[in-house]
PDB file of N, CA and C in Angstrom:
ATOM      1  N   MET A   1      14.244 -46.431  19.344  1.00  0.00           N
ATOM      2  CA  MET A   1      15.239 -45.503  18.760  1.00  0.00           C
ATOM      3  C   MET A   1      14.065 -43.768  19.005  1.00  0.00           C
ATOM      4  N   TRP A   2      13.249 -44.183  18.370  1.00  0.00           N
ATOM      5  CA  TRP A   2      12.420 -42.560  18.337  1.00  0.00           C
ATOM      6  C   TRP A   2      13.047 -42.306  19.966  1.00  0.00           C
ATOM      7  N   GLU A   3      12.521 -42.388  20.870  1.00  0.00           N
ATOM      8  CA  GLU A   3      12.690 -42.570  21.912  1.00  0.00           C
ATOM      9  C   GLU A   3      13.881 -41.483  22.688  1.00  0.00           C
ATOM     10  N   SER A   4      14.884 -41.834  21.694  1.00  0.00           N
ATOM     11  CA  SER A   4      16.024 -41.251  21.641  1.00  0.00           C
ATOM     12  C   SER A   4      15.724 -39.775  20.491  1.00  0.00           C
ATOM     13  N   ILE A   5      15.584 -39.518  19.803  1.00  0.00           N
ATOM     14  CA  ILE A   5      15.688 -39.053  18.813  1.00  0.00           C
ATOM     15  C   ILE A   5      14.479 -37.739  19.588  1.00  0.00           C
ATOM     16  N   TRP A   6      13.543 -38.725  20.614  1.00  0.00           N
ATOM     17  CA  TRP A   6      12.432 -37.659  20.590  1.00  0.00           C
ATOM     18  C   TRP A   6      13.147 -36.319  22.215  1.00  0.00           C
ATOM     19  N   ASN A   7      13.771 -37.301  22.494  1.00  0.00           N
ATOM     20  CA  ASN A   7      15.267 -36.586  24.286  1.00  0.00           C
ATOM     21  C   ASN A   7      15.865 -36.192  23.501  1.00  0.00           C
ATOM     22  N   LEU A   8      16.607 -36.534  22.418  1.00  0.00           N
ATOM     23  CA  LEU A   8      17.601 -34.722  20.721  1.00  0.00           C
ATOM     24  C   LEU A   8      16.740 -34.145  20.650  1.00  0.00           C
ATOM     25  N   LEU A   9      15.771 -34.218  20.088  1.00  0.00           N
ATOM     26  CA  LEU A   9      15.036 -32.718  20.170  1.00  0.00           C
ATOM     27  C   LEU A   9      13.865 -32.087  21.483  1.00  0.00           C
ATOM     28  N   ASN A  10      14.306 -32.115  21.864  1.00  0.00           N
ATOM     29  CA  ASN A  10      14.042 -31.464  23.451  1.00  0.00           C
ATOM     30  C   ASN A  10      14.856 -30.898  24.126  1.00  0.00           C
ATOM     31  N   SER A  11      16.441 -31.316  24.198  1.00  0.00           N
ATOM     32  CA  SER A  11      17.223 -31.100  24.734  1.00  0.00           C
ATOM     33  C   SER A  11      17.617 -30.242  24.571  1.00  0.00           C
ATOM     34  N   PRO A  12      17.700 -29.132  26.054  1.00  0.00           N
ATOM     35  CA  PRO A  12      18.147 -27.475  25.614  1.00  0.00           C
ATOM     36  C   PRO A  12      18.769 -26.870  24.342  1.00  0.00           C
ATOM     37  N   ALA A  13      20.122 -27.295  23.914  1.00  0.00           N
ATOM     38  CA  ALA A  13      20.816 -27.278  22.209  1.00  0.00           C
ATOM     39  C   ALA A  13      19.673 -27.521  21.470  1.00  0.00           C
ATOM     40  N   ALA A  14      18.960 -28.489  20.999  1.00  0.00           N
ATOM     41  CA  ALA A  14      18.270 -29.067  20.318  1.00  0.00           C
ATOM     42  C   ALA A  14      17.345 -27.643  19.825  1.00  0.00           C
ATOM     43  N   ILE A  15      16.667 -27.835  21.054  1.00  0.00           N
ATOM     44  CA  ILE A  15      15.314 -26.472  20.958  1.00  0.00           C
ATOM     45  C   ILE A  15      16.182 -25.126  21.313  1.00  0.00           C
ATOM     46  N   THR A  16      17.408 -24.911  21.442  1.00  0.00           N
ATOM     47  CA  THR A  16      18.047 -23.430  20.594  1.00  0.00           C
ATOM     48  C   THR A  16      18.053 -22.577  19.820  1.00  0.00           C
ATOM     49  N   ALA A  17      18.452 -24.429  19.174  1.00  0.00           N
ATOM     50  CA  ALA A  17      18.609 -24.925  17.248  1.00  0.00           C
ATOM     51  C   ALA A  17      17.875 -24.220  16.726  1.00  0.00           C
ATOM     52  N   ILE A  18      16.644 -24.962  16.739  1.00  0.00           N
ATOM     53  CA  ILE A  18      15.535 -24.676  15.882  1.00  0.00           C
ATOM     54  C   ILE A  18      14.639 -23.484  16.531  1.00  0.00           C
ATOM     55  N   ALA A  19      15.259 -22.754  17.560  1.00  0.00           N
ATOM     56  CA  ALA A  19      14.601 -21.421  17.512  1.00  0.00           C
ATOM     57  C   ALA A  19      15.879 -20.238  16.440  1.00  0.00           C
ATOM     58  N   GLY A  20      16.608 -20.335  16.767  1.00  0.00           N
ATOM     59  CA  GLY A  20      17.294 -19.306  15.810  1.00  0.00           C
ATOM     60  C   GLY A  20      17.255 -19.646  14.584  1.00  0.00           C
ATOM     61  N   ILE A  21      16.860 -20.477  14.142  1.00  0.00           N
ATOM     62  CA  ILE A  21      16.854 -21.168  13.069  1.00  0.00           C
ATOM     63  C   ILE A  21      15.955 -20.910  12.767  1.00  0.00           C
ATOM     64  N   VAL A  22      14.760 -20.548  13.210  1.00  0.00           N
ATOM     65  CA  VAL A  22      13.419 -19.766  12.858  1.00  0.00           C
ATOM     66  C   VAL A  22      13.274 -18.884  12.884  1.00  0.00           C
ATOM     67  N   LEU A  23      13.636 -18.121  13.619  1.00  0.00           N
ATOM     68  CA  LEU A  23      14.411 -16.303  14.158  1.00  0.00           C
ATOM     69  C   LEU A  23      14.339 -15.705  12.740  1.00  0.00           C
ATOM     70  N   TRP A  24      15.702 -17.034  12.714  1.00  0.00           N
ATOM     71  CA  TRP A  24      16.599 -16.182  11.075  1.00  0.00           C
ATOM     72  C   TRP A  24      15.767 -16.007  10.041  1.00  0.00           C
ATOM     73  N   LEU A  25      15.243 -17.737   9.022  1.00  0.00           N
ATOM     74  CA  LEU A  25      14.296 -17.145   8.734  1.00  0.00           C
ATOM     75  C   LEU A  25      13.656 -15.543   8.611  1.00  0.00           C
ATOM     76  N   LEU A  26      12.585 -15.683   9.863  1.00  0.00           N
ATOM     77  CA  LEU A  26      11.613 -14.997  10.059  1.00  0.00           C
ATOM     78  C   LEU A  26      11.826 -13.783   9.612  1.00  0.00           C
ATOM     79  N   ASN A  27      13.432 -13.638   9.837  1.00  0.00           N
ATOM     80  CA  ASN A  27      14.361 -11.992  10.458  1.00  0.00           C
ATOM     81  C   ASN A  27      14.779 -11.606   8.232  1.00  0.00           C
ATOM     82  N   ARG A  28      14.628 -13.292   7.359  1.00  0.00           N
ATOM     83  CA  ARG A  28      15.252 -12.718   6.274  1.00  0.00           C
ATOM     84  C   ARG A  28      14.110 -12.022   5.788  1.00  0.00           C
ATOM     85  N   LEU A  29      13.030 -12.864   5.831  1.00  0.00           N
ATOM     86  CA  LEU A  29      11.598 -12.595   5.519  1.00  0.00           C
ATOM     87  C   LEU A  29      10.850 -11.838   5.277  1.00  0.00           C
ATOM     88  N   TYR A  30      11.623 -10.276   6.921  1.00  0.00           N
ATOM     89  CA  TYR A  30      10.957  -8.860   7.166  1.00  0.00           C
ATOM     90  C   TYR A  30      11.320  -8.272   6.710  1.00  0.00           C
ATOM     91  N   ALA A  31      12.726  -9.221   7.086  1.00  0.00           N
ATOM     92  CA  ALA A  31      14.129  -7.665   5.985  1.00  0.00           C
ATOM     93  C   ALA A  31      14.289  -7.125   4.677  1.00  0.00           C
ATOM     94  N   LYS A  32      12.975  -7.941   4.113  1.00  0.00           N
ATOM     95  CA  LYS A  32      12.894  -7.710   2.698  1.00  0.00           C
ATOM     96  C   LYS A  32      12.553  -6.739   2.783  1.00  0.00           C
ATOM     97  N   LYS A  33      12.732  -5.485   1.441  1.00  0.00           N
ATOM     98  CA  LYS A  33      11.919  -4.789   1.588  1.00  0.00           C
ATOM     99  C   LYS A  33      11.527  -4.536  -0.480  1.00  0.00           C
ATOM    100  N   PRO A  34      10.472  -4.172  -0.211  1.00  0.00           N
ATOM    101  CA  PRO A  34       9.951  -3.664  -1.773  1.00  0.00           C
ATOM    102  C   PRO A  34      10.618  -3.584  -2.951  1.00  0.00           C
ATOM    103  N   LEU A  35      10.634  -3.684  -4.105  1.00  0.00           N
ATOM    104  CA  LEU A  35      10.840  -3.349  -5.376  1.00  0.00           C
ATOM    105  C   LEU A  35      11.297  -1.497  -5.115  1.00  0.00           C
ATOM    106  N   TRP A  36      10.187  -0.723  -4.888  1.00  0.00           N
ATOM    107  CA  TRP A  36      10.288   0.191  -4.834  1.00  0.00           C
ATOM    108  C   TRP A  36      10.769   1.232  -3.829  1.00  0.00           C
ATOM    109  N   ALA A  37      11.093   0.493  -2.135  1.00  0.00           N
ATOM    110  CA  ALA A  37      11.479   1.340  -1.853  1.00  0.00           C
ATOM    111  C   ALA A  37      13.016   1.517  -1.461  1.00  0.00           C
ATOM    112  N   GLN A  38      13.316   0.320  -3.232  1.00  0.00           N
ATOM    113  CA  GLN A  38      15.061   0.526  -2.603  1.00  0.00           C
ATOM    114  C   GLN A  38      15.595   2.283  -3.485  1.00  0.00           C
ATOM    115  N   PHE A  39      14.922   1.983  -4.162  1.00  0.00           N
ATOM    116  CA  PHE A  39      14.147   3.406  -5.354  1.00  0.00           C
ATOM    117  C   PHE A  39      13.203   4.398  -5.005  1.00  0.00           C
ATOM    118  N   GLU A  40      13.675   5.229  -3.829  1.00  0.00           N
ATOM    119  CA  GLU A  40      13.211   6.338  -2.862  1.00  0.00           C
ATOM    120  C   GLU A  40      13.257   7.501  -2.972  1.00  0.00           C
ATOM    121  N   GLY A  41      14.395   7.160  -2.648  1.00  0.00           N
ATOM    122  CA  GLY A  41      15.197   8.655  -3.632  1.00  0.00           C
ATOM    123  C   GLY A  41      14.869   8.738  -4.289  1.00  0.00           C
ATOM    124  N   THR A  42      14.744   8.192  -5.436  1.00  0.00           N
ATOM    125  CA  THR A  42      15.074   8.041  -7.942  1.00  0.00           C
ATOM    126  C   THR A  42      13.723   8.454  -7.239  1.00  0.00           C
ATOM    127  N   LEU A  43      12.748   7.522  -6.105  1.00  0.00           N
ATOM    128  CA  LEU A  43      10.440   8.461  -7.014  1.00  0.00           C
ATOM    129  C   LEU A  43      10.847   9.366  -6.739  1.00  0.00           C
ATOM    130  N   ILE A  44      10.888   9.904  -5.255  1.00  0.00           N
ATOM    131  CA  ILE A  44      11.081  11.473  -4.952  1.00  0.00           C
ATOM    132  C   ILE A  44      11.445  11.915  -5.633  1.00  0.00           C
ATOM    133  N   GLU A  45      12.638  11.702  -6.601  1.00  0.00           N
ATOM    134  CA  GLU A  45      12.985  12.743  -7.198  1.00  0.00           C
ATOM    135  C   GLU A  45      11.779  12.884  -8.642  1.00  0.00           C
ATOM    136  N   ALA A  46      11.509  11.659  -8.714  1.00  0.00           N
ATOM    137  CA  ALA A  46      10.688  12.144 -10.391  1.00  0.00           C
ATOM    138  C   ALA A  46       9.306  11.984 -10.127  1.00  0.00           C
ATOM    139  N   VAL A  47       9.487  12.376  -9.020  1.00  0.00           N
ATOM    140  CA  VAL A  47       7.710  12.551  -8.571  1.00  0.00           C
ATOM    141  C   VAL A  47       7.701  14.847  -8.649  1.00  0.00           C
ATOM    142  N   ARG A  48       8.563  15.354  -7.871  1.00  0.00           N
ATOM    143  CA  ARG A  48       8.663  16.896  -8.245  1.00  0.00           C
ATOM    144  C   ARG A  48       8.997  16.769  -9.796  1.00  0.00           C
ATOM    145  N   PHE A  49       9.477  16.422 -10.567  1.00  0.00           N
ATOM    146  CA  PHE A  49      10.409  15.905 -11.358  1.00  0.00           C
ATOM    147  C   PHE A  49       9.301  16.210 -12.632  1.00  0.00           C
ATOM    148  N   ALA A  50       8.062  15.483 -11.887  1.00  0.00           N
ATOM    149  CA  ALA A  50       6.986  15.156 -13.075  1.00  0.00           C
ATOM    150  C   ALA A  50       6.339  16.980 -12.909  1.00  0.00           C
ATOM    151  N   GLU A  51       6.245  16.745 -11.707  1.00  0.00           N
ATOM    152  CA  GLU A  51       4.791  17.770 -10.796  1.00  0.00           C
ATOM    153  C   GLU A  51       5.846  19.386 -11.709  1.00  0.00           C
ATOM    154  N   LYS A  52       7.064  19.951 -11.677  1.00  0.00           N
ATOM    155  CA  LYS A  52       7.818  20.694 -13.169  1.00  0.00           C
ATOM    156  C   LYS A  52       7.067  19.894 -14.319  1.00  0.00           C
ATOM    157  N   ALA A  53       7.462  19.689 -14.790  1.00  0.00           N
ATOM    158  CA  ALA A  53       7.304  18.683 -16.058  1.00  0.00           C
ATOM    159  C   ALA A  53       6.146  18.886 -16.732  1.00  0.00           C
ATOM    160  N   VAL A  54       4.661  18.601 -16.810  1.00  0.00           N
ATOM    161  CA  VAL A  54       4.179  18.606 -16.363  1.00  0.00           C
ATOM    162  C   VAL A  54       2.683  20.140 -15.785  1.00  0.00           C
ATOM    163  N   PRO A  55       2.268  21.147 -16.170  1.00  0.00           N
ATOM    164  CA  PRO A  55       1.839  22.390 -16.047  1.00  0.00           C
ATOM    165  C   PRO A  55       0.136  21.198 -15.409  1.00  0.00           C
ATOM    166  N   ASP A  56      -0.479  21.862 -14.572  1.00  0.00           N
ATOM    167  CA  ASP A  56      -1.288  21.998 -13.606  1.00  0.00           C
ATOM    168  C   ASP A  56      -2.384  22.244 -14.816  1.00  0.00           C
ATOM    169  N   ASP A  57      -2.072  22.473 -15.730  1.00  0.00           N
ATOM    170  CA  ASP A  57      -3.595  23.076 -17.163  1.00  0.00           C
ATOM    171  C   ASP A  57      -3.908  21.493 -17.025  1.00  0.00           C
ATOM    172  N   ALA A  58      -2.789  20.706 -18.002  1.00  0.00           N
ATOM    173  CA  ALA A  58      -2.755  20.031 -18.761  1.00  0.00           C
ATOM    174  C   ALA A  58      -4.081  18.739 -18.372  1.00  0.00           C
ATOM    175  N   GLU A  59      -4.254  18.967 -20.018  1.00  0.00           N
ATOM    176  CA  GLU A  59      -5.780  17.328 -19.526  1.00  0.00           C
ATOM    177  C   GLU A  59      -4.243  17.044 -19.448  1.00  0.00           C
ATOM    178  N   ASN A  60      -5.158  15.233 -18.511  1.00  0.00           N
ATOM    179  CA  ASN A  60      -5.162  14.533 -18.063  1.00  0.00           C
ATOM    180  C   ASN A  60      -4.033  13.975 -17.121  1.00  0.00           C
ATOM    181  N   LYS A  61      -3.315  15.373 -17.003  1.00  0.00           N
ATOM    182  CA  LYS A  61      -2.665  15.554 -15.846  1.00  0.00           C
ATOM    183  C   LYS A  61      -1.690  14.233 -14.781  1.00  0.00           C
ATOM    184  N   ALA A  62      -2.976  13.575 -14.084  1.00  0.00           N
ATOM    185  CA  ALA A  62      -2.674  13.070 -12.990  1.00  0.00           C
ATOM    186  C   ALA A  62      -1.791  12.299 -13.324  1.00  0.00           C
ATOM    187  N   VAL A  63      -1.987  11.062 -15.102  1.00  0.00           N
ATOM    188  CA  VAL A  63      -1.397   9.957 -15.674  1.00  0.00           C
ATOM    189  C   VAL A  63      -0.283  10.307 -15.979  1.00  0.00           C
ATOM    190  N   ARG A  64      -0.201  11.874 -17.308  1.00  0.00           N
ATOM    191  CA  ARG A  64       0.948  12.073 -17.419  1.00  0.00           C
ATOM    192  C   ARG A  64       2.246  12.502 -16.845  1.00  0.00           C
ATOM    193  N   ARG A  65       1.780  12.377 -15.443  1.00  0.00           N
ATOM    194  CA  ARG A  65       2.862  12.626 -14.541  1.00  0.00           C
ATOM    195  C   ARG A  65       2.786  11.079 -13.856  1.00  0.00           C
ATOM    196  N   LEU A  66       2.651  11.259 -13.289  1.00  0.00           N
ATOM    197  CA  LEU A  66       2.710   9.436 -13.568  1.00  0.00           C
ATOM    198  C   LEU A  66       3.543   8.944 -14.443  1.00  0.00           C
ATOM    199  N   ASP A  67       3.332   9.399 -15.504  1.00  0.00           N
ATOM    200  CA  ASP A  67       3.530   8.492 -17.167  1.00  0.00           C
ATOM    201  C   ASP A  67       5.015   9.184 -16.765  1.00  0.00           C
ATOM    202  N   GLN A  68       5.555  10.689 -16.501  1.00  0.00           N
ATOM    203  CA  GLN A  68       6.583  11.542 -16.376  1.00  0.00           C
ATOM    204  C   GLN A  68       7.866  10.441 -15.843  1.00  0.00           C
ATOM    205  N   ALA A  69       6.986  10.362 -14.554  1.00  0.00           N
ATOM    206  CA  ALA A  69       7.730   9.862 -13.689  1.00  0.00           C
ATOM    207  C   ALA A  69       8.833   8.298 -13.547  1.00  0.00           C
ATOM    208  N   LEU A  70       7.207   7.570 -13.783  1.00  0.00           N
ATOM    209  CA  LEU A  70       7.822   6.365 -14.021  1.00  0.00           C
ATOM    210  C   LEU A  70       8.638   5.712 -15.328  1.00  0.00           C
ATOM    211  N   LYS A  71       9.023   7.024 -15.761  1.00  0.00           N
ATOM    212  CA  LYS A  71      10.295   6.752 -17.419  1.00  0.00           C
ATOM    213  C   LYS A  71      11.314   7.259 -17.298  1.00  0.00           C
ATOM    214  N   TYR A  72      11.140   8.215 -15.540  1.00  0.00           N
ATOM    215  CA  TYR A  72      12.639   9.144 -15.464  1.00  0.00           C
ATOM    216  C   TYR A  72      12.800   7.852 -14.786  1.00  0.00           C
ATOM    217  N   VAL A  73      12.434   6.817 -13.103  1.00  0.00           N
ATOM    218  CA  VAL A  73      12.851   6.190 -13.372  1.00  0.00           C
ATOM    219  C   VAL A  73      13.343   4.429 -13.805  1.00  0.00           C
ATOM    220  N   LEU A  74      12.599   4.467 -14.877  1.00  0.00           N
ATOM    221  CA  LEU A  74      12.854   3.593 -14.838  1.00  0.00           C
ATOM    222  C   LEU A  74      14.712   3.319 -16.061  1.00  0.00           C
ATOM    223  N   LYS A  75      14.713   4.794 -16.415  1.00  0.00           N
ATOM    224  CA  LYS A  75      15.719   5.170 -17.036  1.00  0.00           C
ATOM    225  C   LYS A  75      16.426   4.885 -16.244  1.00  0.00           C
ATOM    226  N   ILE A  76      16.989   5.977 -14.667  1.00  0.00           N
ATOM    227  CA  ILE A  76      17.596   4.812 -13.993  1.00  0.00           C
ATOM    228  C   ILE A  76      17.601   3.297 -12.720  1.00  0.00           C
ATOM    229  N   TYR A  77      16.651   3.074 -12.785  1.00  0.00           N
ATOM    230  CA  TYR A  77      16.419   1.551 -12.794  1.00  0.00           C
ATOM    231  C   TYR A  77      17.870   0.692 -14.710  1.00  0.00           C
ATOM    232  N   GLU A  78      17.040   1.094 -15.138  1.00  0.00           N
ATOM    233  CA  GLU A  78      17.873  -0.181 -16.215  1.00  0.00           C
ATOM    234  C   GLU A  78      19.926   0.519 -16.737  1.00  0.00           C
ATOM    235  N   GLY A  79      20.036   2.022 -15.728  1.00  0.00           N
ATOM    236  CA  GLY A  79      21.675   2.166 -16.585  1.00  0.00           C
ATOM    237  C   GLY A  79      21.865   1.758 -14.455  1.00  0.00           C
ATOM    238  N   MET A  80      21.294   0.816 -14.188  1.00  0.00           N
ATOM    239  CA  MET A  80      21.918   0.773 -12.467  1.00  0.00           C
ATOM    240  C   MET A  80      21.891  -1.250 -12.593  1.00  0.00           C
ATOM    241  N   LYS A  81      20.720  -1.357 -13.100  1.00  0.00           N
ATOM    242  CA  LYS A  81      20.338  -3.433 -13.648  1.00  0.00           C
ATOM    243  C   LYS A  81      20.994  -3.878 -14.381  1.00  0.00           C
ATOM    244  N   SER A  82      21.198  -2.569 -15.716  1.00  0.00           N
ATOM    245  CA  SER A  82      21.328  -3.251 -16.977  1.00  0.00           C
ATOM    246  C   SER A  82      20.678  -4.334 -17.680  1.00  0.00           C
ATOM    247  N   ARG A  83      19.883  -3.472 -17.439  1.00  0.00           N
ATOM    248  CA  ARG A  83      18.823  -4.158 -18.106  1.00  0.00           C
ATOM    249  C   ARG A  83      17.635  -3.928 -17.969  1.00  0.00           C
ATOM    250  N   PRO A  84      16.632  -4.184 -19.130  1.00  0.00           N
ATOM    251  CA  PRO A  84      15.275  -3.729 -18.678  1.00  0.00           C
ATOM    252  C   PRO A  84      13.802  -4.222 -17.638  1.00  0.00           C
ATOM    253  N   ALA A  85      12.959  -3.587 -17.420  1.00  0.00           N
ATOM    254  CA  ALA A  85      12.178  -3.968 -16.477  1.00  0.00           C
ATOM    255  C   ALA A  85      11.259  -4.654 -17.134  1.00  0.00           C
ATOM    256  N   THR A  86      11.061  -5.953 -15.713  1.00  0.00           N
ATOM    257  CA  THR A  86       9.940  -6.554 -16.353  1.00  0.00           C
ATOM    258  C   THR A  86       8.248  -6.389 -16.141  1.00  0.00           C
ATOM    259  N   ASP A  87       7.805  -5.876 -16.146  1.00  0.00           N
ATOM    260  CA  ASP A  87       5.880  -5.597 -16.413  1.00  0.00           C
ATOM    261  C   ASP A  87       5.757  -6.353 -14.622  1.00  0.00           C
ATOM    262  N   ALA A  88       6.236  -6.602 -13.803  1.00  0.00           N
ATOM    263  CA  ALA A  88       6.038  -6.576 -12.455  1.00  0.00           C
ATOM    264  C   ALA A  88       6.940  -5.961 -11.886  1.00  0.00           C
ATOM    265  N   GLU A  89       7.969  -5.856 -11.847  1.00  0.00           N
ATOM    266  CA  GLU A  89       9.159  -5.050 -11.769  1.00  0.00           C
ATOM    267  C   GLU A  89       8.737  -3.266 -11.797  1.00  0.00           C
ATOM    268  N   ILE A  90       7.112  -2.848 -13.046  1.00  0.00           N
ATOM    269  CA  ILE A  90       7.068  -2.359 -13.257  1.00  0.00           C
ATOM    270  C   ILE A  90       5.952  -1.719 -13.097  1.00  0.00           C
ATOM    271  N   ASP A  91       5.027  -2.475 -13.158  1.00  0.00           N
ATOM    272  CA  ASP A  91       3.975  -2.607 -11.519  1.00  0.00           C
ATOM    273  C   ASP A  91       3.650  -1.935 -10.298  1.00  0.00           C
ATOM    274  N   GLU A  92       5.197  -2.389  -9.326  1.00  0.00           N
ATOM    275  CA  GLU A  92       5.442  -1.968  -8.182  1.00  0.00           C
ATOM    276  C   GLU A  92       6.040  -0.812  -7.429  1.00  0.00           C
ATOM    277  N   ILE A  93       6.932  -0.871  -9.408  1.00  0.00           N
ATOM    278  CA  ILE A  93       7.462   0.705  -9.622  1.00  0.00           C
ATOM    279  C   ILE A  93       5.911   2.093  -9.382  1.00  0.00           C
ATOM    280  N   LYS A  94       4.850   1.402 -10.311  1.00  0.00           N
ATOM    281  CA  LYS A  94       3.621   2.665 -10.291  1.00  0.00           C
ATOM    282  C   LYS A  94       3.823   2.495  -8.728  1.00  0.00           C
ATOM    283  N   ASP A  95       3.715   1.466  -8.466  1.00  0.00           N
ATOM    284  CA  ASP A  95       2.989   1.556  -7.052  1.00  0.00           C
ATOM    285  C   ASP A  95       3.087   2.439  -6.032  1.00  0.00           C
ATOM    286  N   GLY A  96       5.138   2.172  -5.855  1.00  0.00           N
ATOM    287  CA  GLY A  96       5.774   3.470  -6.115  1.00  0.00           C
ATOM    288  C   GLY A  96       5.919   4.936  -5.596  1.00  0.00           C
ATOM    289  N   ILE A  97       5.555   4.589  -6.199  1.00  0.00           N
ATOM    290  CA  ILE A  97       5.513   6.185  -7.103  1.00  0.00           C
ATOM    291  C   ILE A  97       4.341   6.581  -7.095  1.00  0.00           C
ATOM    292  N   ARG A  98       3.070   6.029  -6.644  1.00  0.00           N
ATOM    293  CA  ARG A  98       2.414   6.336  -6.251  1.00  0.00           C
ATOM    294  C   ARG A  98       1.821   6.790  -4.854  1.00  0.00           C
ATOM    295  N   LEU A  99       2.432   5.054  -3.519  1.00  0.00           N
ATOM    296  CA  LEU A  99       3.023   6.093  -2.753  1.00  0.00           C
ATOM    297  C   LEU A  99       3.572   6.815  -1.839  1.00  0.00           C
ATOM    298  N   VAL A 100       4.652   7.379  -2.836  1.00  0.00           N
ATOM    299  CA  VAL A 100       6.264   8.660  -2.911  1.00  0.00           C
ATOM    300  C   VAL A 100       4.912  10.019  -2.186  1.00  0.00           C
ATOM    301  N   HIS A 101       3.924  10.138  -3.936  1.00  0.00           N
ATOM    302  CA  HIS A 101       3.357  10.994  -4.548  1.00  0.00           C
ATOM    303  C   HIS A 101       2.346  11.585  -3.576  1.00  0.00           C
ATOM    304  N   ASN A 102       1.561  10.387  -3.168  1.00  0.00           N
ATOM    305  CA  ASN A 102       0.574  10.747  -1.801  1.00  0.00           C
ATOM    306  C   ASN A 102       1.610  11.492  -0.680  1.00  0.00           C
ATOM    307  N   GLU A 103       2.927  10.148   0.141  1.00  0.00           N
ATOM    308  CA  GLU A 103       3.764  11.393   0.789  1.00  0.00           C
ATOM    309  C   GLU A 103       3.689  12.161   1.206  1.00  0.00           C
ATOM    310  N   LEU A 104       4.234  13.350  -0.177  1.00  0.00           N
ATOM    311  CA  LEU A 104       4.587  13.889  -0.650  1.00  0.00           C
ATOM    312  C   LEU A 104       3.907  15.052  -0.069  1.00  0.00           C
ATOM    313  N   ASP A 105       2.729  14.245  -1.058  1.00  0.00           N
ATOM    314  CA  ASP A 105       1.762  15.847  -0.939  1.00  0.00           C
ATOM    315  C   ASP A 105       1.071  16.110   0.408  1.00  0.00           C
ATOM    316  N   ALA A 106       1.107  14.669   0.983  1.00  0.00           N
ATOM    317  CA  ALA A 106       0.666  14.840   2.574  1.00  0.00           C
ATOM    318  C   ALA A 106       1.334  15.641   3.682  1.00  0.00           C
ATOM    319  N   SER A 107       2.122  15.511   2.648  1.00  0.00           N
ATOM    320  CA  SER A 107       3.365  16.540   4.074  1.00  0.00           C
ATOM    321  C   SER A 107       3.680  17.785   3.773  1.00  0.00           C
ATOM    322  N   GLY A 108       2.948  18.035   2.408  1.00  0.00           N
ATOM    323  CA  GLY A 108       3.135  19.421   1.683  1.00  0.00           C
ATOM    324  C   GLY A 108       3.794  20.245   0.970  1.00  0.00           C
ATOM    325  N   VAL A 109       4.751  19.150   0.964  1.00  0.00           N
ATOM    326  CA  VAL A 109       6.555  19.175   0.255  1.00  0.00           C
ATOM    327  C   VAL A 109       6.080  19.610  -0.999  1.00  0.00           C
ATOM    328  N   LEU A 110       4.767  19.102  -1.775  1.00  0.00           N
ATOM    329  CA  LEU A 110       4.571  19.383  -3.408  1.00  0.00           C
ATOM    330  C   LEU A 110       3.993  20.524  -3.219  1.00  0.00           C
TER     331      LEU A 110
END
């Protein structure tokens, strides 16, 4: 009995089916975007808005700009999802804001 099962699993059709399932699972795993990537356009808008809203000579300008951008994104997020963001989602959005800011700053757009 075990020999028949082993022979069935080693058939070209079974190997192809197993490989297809594994490939499908890997594609699902790698295709998942982080939360902030889904809102990248909003993050860019928020960073630019915060750069204009908080002057360069302000005290703690980096923290204030992050806070301003975060408030902007959370307002959009809550409007789209019809619920407030969780703490984990807020942390992920903060990371996205930092990444987008660094990319914009490095490219000279800010």
